């Protein structure tokens, strides 16, 4: 009887230890996880860091004038917050500066061209050039129409100021043939 009692006590102790470790494993698996800081690091590193913490990264993308392309701009929940394991963490990754397609302003008036470029998010710079086109008309632009550039970029437009002035040489007293050629 004594041996049987000791074996039963040992079996009960082993069962209690087994139950305790299983319950502890369950508690550890459901313990809150601190969200690691990922803002300001490359997307691939941020995703690895979140997955390593037992979280699920959800990636969104947005344009940013300040943050380099491929770098995390923001995260939610914030770094340090405690969340359940396997929770989603939203991260916003920079797509770099926003780009726009350069509209054609050739043939428009100076004011219309500037307005069109400003409305497209570009920085127009007008230069007067001599041309036989009507005064105040845009004759050329750089970059050319249709090119995709960063928003806020400079666009040069040439606006005609009329025909160029020429200096008339003095031909008084010269023979006709020589005066004509001069």
C-alpha atoms as a PDB file:
ATOM      1  CA  UNK A   1       0.000   0.000   0.000  1.00  0.00           C
ATOM      2  CA  UNK A   2       2.830   2.382   0.773  1.00  0.00           C
ATOM      3  CA  UNK A   3       4.460   1.896  -2.588  1.00  0.00           C
ATOM      4  CA  UNK A   4       1.126   2.364  -4.327  1.00  0.00           C
ATOM      5  CA  UNK A   5       0.524   5.615  -2.379  1.00  0.00           C
ATOM      6  CA  UNK A   6       3.965   6.963  -3.343  1.00  0.00           C
ATOM      7  CA  UNK A   7       3.386   6.066  -6.997  1.00  0.00           C
ATOM      8  CA  UNK A   8       0.002   7.799  -6.920  1.00  0.00           C
ATOM      9  CA  UNK A   9       1.572  10.907  -5.338  1.00  0.00           C
ATOM     10  CA  UNK A  10       4.316  10.901  -7.977  1.00  0.00           C
ATOM     11  CA  UNK A  11       1.707  10.494 -10.743  1.00  0.00           C
ATOM     12  CA  UNK A  12      -0.385  13.314  -9.249  1.00  0.00           C
ATOM     13  CA  UNK A  13       2.737  15.533  -9.024  1.00  0.00           C
ATOM     14  CA  UNK A  14       3.676  14.766 -12.637  1.00  0.00           C
ATOM     15  CA  UNK A  15       0.118  15.519 -13.788  1.00  0.00           C
ATOM     16  CA  UNK A  16       0.110  18.789 -11.836  1.00  0.00           C
ATOM     17  CA  UNK A  17       3.491  19.799 -13.298  1.00  0.00           C
ATOM     18  CA  UNK A  18       2.275  18.925 -16.826  1.00  0.00           C
ATOM     19  CA  UNK A  19      -0.942  20.940 -16.340  1.00  0.00           C
ATOM     20  CA  UNK A  20       1.014  23.884 -14.898  1.00  0.00           C
ATOM     21  CA  UNK A  21       3.420  24.024 -17.857  1.00  0.00           C
ATOM     22  CA  UNK A  22       0.561  23.817 -20.388  1.00  0.00           C
ATOM     23  CA  UNK A  23      -1.348  26.612 -18.650  1.00  0.00           C
ATOM     24  CA  UNK A  24       1.841  28.719 -18.442  1.00  0.00           C
ATOM     25  CA  UNK A  25       2.513  28.172 -22.157  1.00  0.00           C
ATOM     26  CA  UNK A  26      -1.038  29.320 -22.961  1.00  0.00           C
ATOM     27  CA  UNK A  27      -0.639  32.415 -20.787  1.00  0.00           C
ATOM     28  CA  UNK A  28       2.724  33.219 -22.383  1.00  0.00           C
ATOM     29  CA  UNK A  29       1.281  32.769 -25.873  1.00  0.00           C
ATOM     30  CA  UNK A  30      -1.527  35.249 -25.105  1.00  0.00           C
ATOM     31  CA  UNK A  31       0.576  37.783 -23.178  1.00  0.00           C
ATOM     32  CA  UNK A  32       0.491  41.308 -24.628  1.00  0.00           C
ATOM     33  CA  UNK A  33       3.365  42.214 -26.954  1.00  0.00           C
ATOM     34  CA  UNK A  34       5.057  45.632 -27.052  1.00  0.00           C
ATOM     35  CA  UNK A  35       4.938  47.137 -30.547  1.00  0.00           C
ATOM     36  CA  UNK A  36       8.533  47.788 -31.697  1.00  0.00           C
ATOM     37  CA  UNK A  37       9.453  51.213 -33.132  1.00  0.00           C
ATOM     38  CA  UNK A  38       9.680  51.012 -36.937  1.00  0.00           C
ATOM     39  CA  UNK A  39       9.159  54.632 -38.078  1.00  0.00           C
ATOM     40  CA  UNK A  40      12.203  55.919 -39.955  1.00  0.00           C
ATOM     41  CA  UNK A  41      13.575  52.541 -41.076  1.00  0.00           C
ATOM     42  CA  UNK A  42      13.408  50.730 -44.427  1.00  0.00           C
ATOM     43  CA  UNK A  43      10.211  48.802 -45.167  1.00  0.00           C
ATOM     44  CA  UNK A  44      11.844  45.355 -45.325  1.00  0.00           C
ATOM     45  CA  UNK A  45      13.519  45.836 -41.926  1.00  0.00           C
ATOM     46  CA  UNK A  46      10.285  47.148 -40.403  1.00  0.00           C
ATOM     47  CA  UNK A  47       8.293  44.162 -41.669  1.00  0.00           C
ATOM     48  CA  UNK A  48      10.918  41.725 -40.332  1.00  0.00           C
ATOM     49  CA  UNK A  49      10.995  43.500 -36.963  1.00  0.00           C
ATOM     50  CA  UNK A  50       7.183  43.370 -36.611  1.00  0.00           C
ATOM     51  CA  UNK A  51       6.982  39.721 -37.645  1.00  0.00           C
ATOM     52  CA  UNK A  52       9.790  38.892 -35.221  1.00  0.00           C
ATOM     53  CA  UNK A  53       7.698  40.413 -32.419  1.00  0.00           C
ATOM     54  CA  UNK A  54       4.773  38.158 -33.368  1.00  0.00           C
ATOM     55  CA  UNK A  55       2.772  40.911 -35.068  1.00  0.00           C
ATOM     56  CA  UNK A  56       1.243  41.206 -38.535  1.00  0.00           C
ATOM     57  CA  UNK A  57       2.403  44.221 -40.602  1.00  0.00           C
ATOM     58  CA  UNK A  58      -0.177  45.918 -42.846  1.00  0.00           C
ATOM     59  CA  UNK A  59       1.611  48.142 -45.389  1.00  0.00           C
ATOM     60  CA  UNK A  60       0.092  51.285 -46.940  1.00  0.00           C
ATOM     61  CA  UNK A  61       1.939  53.744 -49.152  1.00  0.00           C
ATOM     62  CA  UNK A  62       1.836  57.548 -49.336  1.00  0.00           C
ATOM     63  CA  UNK A  63       3.758  60.375 -50.991  1.00  0.00           C
ATOM     64  CA  UNK A  64       6.152  62.343 -48.788  1.00  0.00           C
ATOM     65  CA  UNK A  65       8.303  65.365 -49.530  1.00  0.00           C
ATOM     66  CA  UNK A  66      10.405  64.790 -46.390  1.00  0.00           C
ATOM     67  CA  UNK A  67      10.833  61.011 -46.160  1.00  0.00           C
ATOM     68  CA  UNK A  68      12.913  58.990 -48.641  1.00  0.00           C
ATOM     69  CA  UNK A  69      11.146  56.397 -50.799  1.00  0.00           C
ATOM     70  CA  UNK A  70      10.822  52.990 -49.105  1.00  0.00           C
ATOM     71  CA  UNK A  71      11.160  54.300 -45.534  1.00  0.00           C
ATOM     72  CA  UNK A  72       8.389  53.973 -42.914  1.00  0.00           C
ATOM     73  CA  UNK A  73       6.681  57.334 -42.284  1.00  0.00           C
ATOM     74  CA  UNK A  74       4.253  56.322 -39.544  1.00  0.00           C
ATOM     75  CA  UNK A  75       2.933  53.344 -37.604  1.00  0.00           C
ATOM     76  CA  UNK A  76      -0.239  52.492 -35.709  1.00  0.00           C
ATOM     77  CA  UNK A  77      -0.379  51.426 -32.903  1.00  0.00           C
ATOM     78  CA  UNK A  78       2.506  53.583 -31.724  1.00  0.00           C
ATOM     79  CA  UNK A  79       5.835  52.131 -30.623  1.00  0.00           C
ATOM     80  CA  UNK A  80       5.741  50.728 -27.096  1.00  0.00           C
ATOM     81  CA  UNK A  81       1.991  50.098 -26.964  1.00  0.00           C
ATOM     82  CA  UNK A  82       0.997  46.642 -25.736  1.00  0.00           C
ATOM     83  CA  UNK A  83      -1.202  44.593 -28.099  1.00  0.00           C
ATOM     84  CA  UNK A  84      -2.323  40.994 -28.367  1.00  0.00           C
ATOM     85  CA  UNK A  85       0.005  38.644 -30.278  1.00  0.00           C
ATOM     86  CA  UNK A  86      -0.728  38.373 -33.997  1.00  0.00           C
ATOM     87  CA  UNK A  87      -2.371  41.832 -33.997  1.00  0.00           C
ATOM     88  CA  UNK A  88      -2.171  43.999 -37.103  1.00  0.00           C
ATOM     89  CA  UNK A  89       0.254  46.925 -37.102  1.00  0.00           C
ATOM     90  CA  UNK A  90      -0.400  49.493 -39.819  1.00  0.00           C
ATOM     91  CA  UNK A  91       2.718  51.066 -41.306  1.00  0.00           C
ATOM     92  CA  UNK A  92       2.792  53.836 -43.896  1.00  0.00           C
ATOM     93  CA  UNK A  93       5.743  53.649 -46.302  1.00  0.00           C
ATOM     94  CA  UNK A  94       6.939  56.630 -48.335  1.00  0.00           C
ATOM     95  CA  UNK A  95       6.515  56.563 -52.113  1.00  0.00           C
ATOM     96  CA  UNK A  96       8.895  59.520 -52.305  1.00  0.00           C
ATOM     97  CA  UNK A  97       7.961  62.867 -53.734  1.00  0.00           C
ATOM     98  CA  UNK A  98       4.745  63.078 -55.707  1.00  0.00           C
ATOM     99  CA  UNK A  99       5.153  63.204 -59.486  1.00  0.00           C
ATOM    100  CA  UNK A 100       3.064  65.000 -62.101  1.00  0.00           C
ATOM    101  CA  UNK A 101       2.918  64.998 -65.868  1.00  0.00           C
ATOM    102  CA  UNK A 102       3.979  68.314 -67.424  1.00  0.00           C
ATOM    103  CA  UNK A 103       1.038  69.879 -69.269  1.00  0.00           C
ATOM    104  CA  UNK A 104       1.515  71.518 -72.666  1.00  0.00           C
ATOM    105  CA  UNK A 105       1.417  75.303 -72.464  1.00  0.00           C
ATOM    106  CA  UNK A 106       2.913  76.100 -75.877  1.00  0.00           C
ATOM    107  CA  UNK A 107       0.699  78.570 -77.733  1.00  0.00           C
ATOM    108  CA  UNK A 108      -1.024  79.831 -74.564  1.00  0.00           C
ATOM    109  CA  UNK A 109      -0.685  83.328 -73.193  1.00  0.00           C
ATOM    110  CA  UNK A 110       1.853  83.958 -70.432  1.00  0.00           C
ATOM    111  CA  UNK A 111      -0.830  84.194 -67.703  1.00  0.00           C
ATOM    112  CA  UNK A 112      -2.721  81.097 -68.890  1.00  0.00           C
ATOM    113  CA  UNK A 113       0.512  79.093 -69.052  1.00  0.00           C
ATOM    114  CA  UNK A 114       1.600  80.135 -65.566  1.00  0.00           C
ATOM    115  CA  UNK A 115      -1.859  79.368 -64.175  1.00  0.00           C
ATOM    116  CA  UNK A 116      -1.901  75.925 -65.854  1.00  0.00           C
ATOM    117  CA  UNK A 117       1.532  75.041 -64.486  1.00  0.00           C
ATOM    118  CA  UNK A 118       0.753  76.262 -60.959  1.00  0.00           C
ATOM    119  CA  UNK A 119      -2.516  74.279 -60.957  1.00  0.00           C
ATOM    120  CA  UNK A 120      -0.492  71.174 -61.930  1.00  0.00           C
ATOM    121  CA  UNK A 121       1.727  71.729 -58.872  1.00  0.00           C
ATOM    122  CA  UNK A 122       4.745  72.995 -60.802  1.00  0.00           C
ATOM    123  CA  UNK A 123       6.959  76.092 -60.444  1.00  0.00           C
ATOM    124  CA  UNK A 124       6.834  78.150 -63.678  1.00  0.00           C
ATOM    125  CA  UNK A 125       9.642  80.546 -64.657  1.00  0.00           C
ATOM    126  CA  UNK A 126       8.932  82.766 -67.657  1.00  0.00           C
ATOM    127  CA  UNK A 127      11.673  84.191 -69.891  1.00  0.00           C
ATOM    128  CA  UNK A 128      11.142  86.779 -72.625  1.00  0.00           C
ATOM    129  CA  UNK A 129      12.509  85.825 -76.029  1.00  0.00           C
ATOM    130  CA  UNK A 130      12.359  87.496 -79.395  1.00  0.00           C
ATOM    131  CA  UNK A 131      10.051  85.827 -81.903  1.00  0.00           C
ATOM    132  CA  UNK A 132       7.755  86.563 -84.803  1.00  0.00           C
ATOM    133  CA  UNK A 133       4.853  84.978 -82.839  1.00  0.00           C
ATOM    134  CA  UNK A 134       2.257  87.268 -81.213  1.00  0.00           C
ATOM    135  CA  UNK A 135       3.602  89.107 -78.140  1.00  0.00           C
ATOM    136  CA  UNK A 136       2.909  87.296 -74.831  1.00  0.00           C
ATOM    137  CA  UNK A 137       2.595  83.829 -76.427  1.00  0.00           C
ATOM    138  CA  UNK A 138       4.487  80.829 -75.055  1.00  0.00           C
ATOM    139  CA  UNK A 139       6.816  79.520 -77.774  1.00  0.00           C
ATOM    140  CA  UNK A 140       8.676  76.765 -75.883  1.00  0.00           C
ATOM    141  CA  UNK A 141       8.873  74.977 -72.544  1.00  0.00           C
ATOM    142  CA  UNK A 142      11.339  72.801 -70.662  1.00  0.00           C
ATOM    143  CA  UNK A 143      10.750  70.049 -69.585  1.00  0.00           C
ATOM    144  CA  UNK A 144       8.647  69.130 -72.614  1.00  0.00           C
ATOM    145  CA  UNK A 145       4.919  68.335 -72.387  1.00  0.00           C
ATOM    146  CA  UNK A 146       4.098  64.824 -71.181  1.00  0.00           C
ATOM    147  CA  UNK A 147       7.299  64.310 -69.183  1.00  0.00           C
ATOM    148  CA  UNK A 148       6.732  63.048 -65.629  1.00  0.00           C
ATOM    149  CA  UNK A 149       8.610  65.080 -62.992  1.00  0.00           C
ATOM    150  CA  UNK A 150       8.470  65.672 -59.241  1.00  0.00           C
ATOM    151  CA  UNK A 151       5.698  67.942 -58.043  1.00  0.00           C
ATOM    152  CA  UNK A 152       7.042  71.423 -57.322  1.00  0.00           C
ATOM    153  CA  UNK A 153       9.751  71.189 -59.979  1.00  0.00           C
ATOM    154  CA  UNK A 154      10.743  74.206 -62.039  1.00  0.00           C
ATOM    155  CA  UNK A 155       9.372  74.553 -65.587  1.00  0.00           C
ATOM    156  CA  UNK A 156      10.891  77.118 -67.944  1.00  0.00           C
ATOM    157  CA  UNK A 157       8.600  78.794 -70.455  1.00  0.00           C
ATOM    158  CA  UNK A 158       9.740  81.091 -73.261  1.00  0.00           C
ATOM    159  CA  UNK A 159       7.329  83.959 -73.912  1.00  0.00           C
ATOM    160  CA  UNK A 160       7.668  86.036 -77.047  1.00  0.00           C
ATOM    161  CA  UNK A 161       8.403  89.721 -76.655  1.00  0.00           C
ATOM    162  CA  UNK A 162       7.962  90.361 -80.375  1.00  0.00           C
ATOM    163  CA  UNK A 163      10.526  90.495 -83.148  1.00  0.00           C
ATOM    164  CA  UNK A 164      14.129  91.174 -82.193  1.00  0.00           C
ATOM    165  CA  UNK A 165      15.514  94.651 -82.656  1.00  0.00           C
ATOM    166  CA  UNK A 166      18.188  94.928 -85.307  1.00  0.00           C
ATOM    167  CA  UNK A 167      20.773  97.612 -85.866  1.00  0.00           C
ATOM    168  CA  UNK A 168      20.463  99.294 -89.244  1.00  0.00           C
ATOM    169  CA  UNK A 169      23.914 100.016 -90.676  1.00  0.00           C
ATOM    170  CA  UNK A 170      24.743 103.425 -92.089  1.00  0.00           C
ATOM    171  CA  UNK A 171      24.811 103.077 -95.904  1.00  0.00           C
ATOM    172  CA  UNK A 172      24.551 106.753 -96.827  1.00  0.00           C
ATOM    173  CA  UNK A 173      26.929 107.556 -99.665  1.00  0.00           C
ATOM    174  CA  UNK A 174      27.548 103.945-100.692  1.00  0.00           C
ATOM    175  CA  UNK A 175      26.775 102.665-104.198  1.00  0.00           C
ATOM    176  CA  UNK A 176      23.465 100.779-104.458  1.00  0.00           C
ATOM    177  CA  UNK A 177      24.991  97.284-104.833  1.00  0.00           C
ATOM    178  CA  UNK A 178      27.252  97.746-101.827  1.00  0.00           C
ATOM    179  CA  UNK A 179      24.479  99.331 -99.709  1.00  0.00           C
ATOM    180  CA  UNK A 180      22.112  96.433-100.556  1.00  0.00           C
ATOM    181  CA  UNK A 181      24.629  93.805 -99.588  1.00  0.00           C
ATOM    182  CA  UNK A 182      25.491  95.651 -96.351  1.00  0.00           C
END
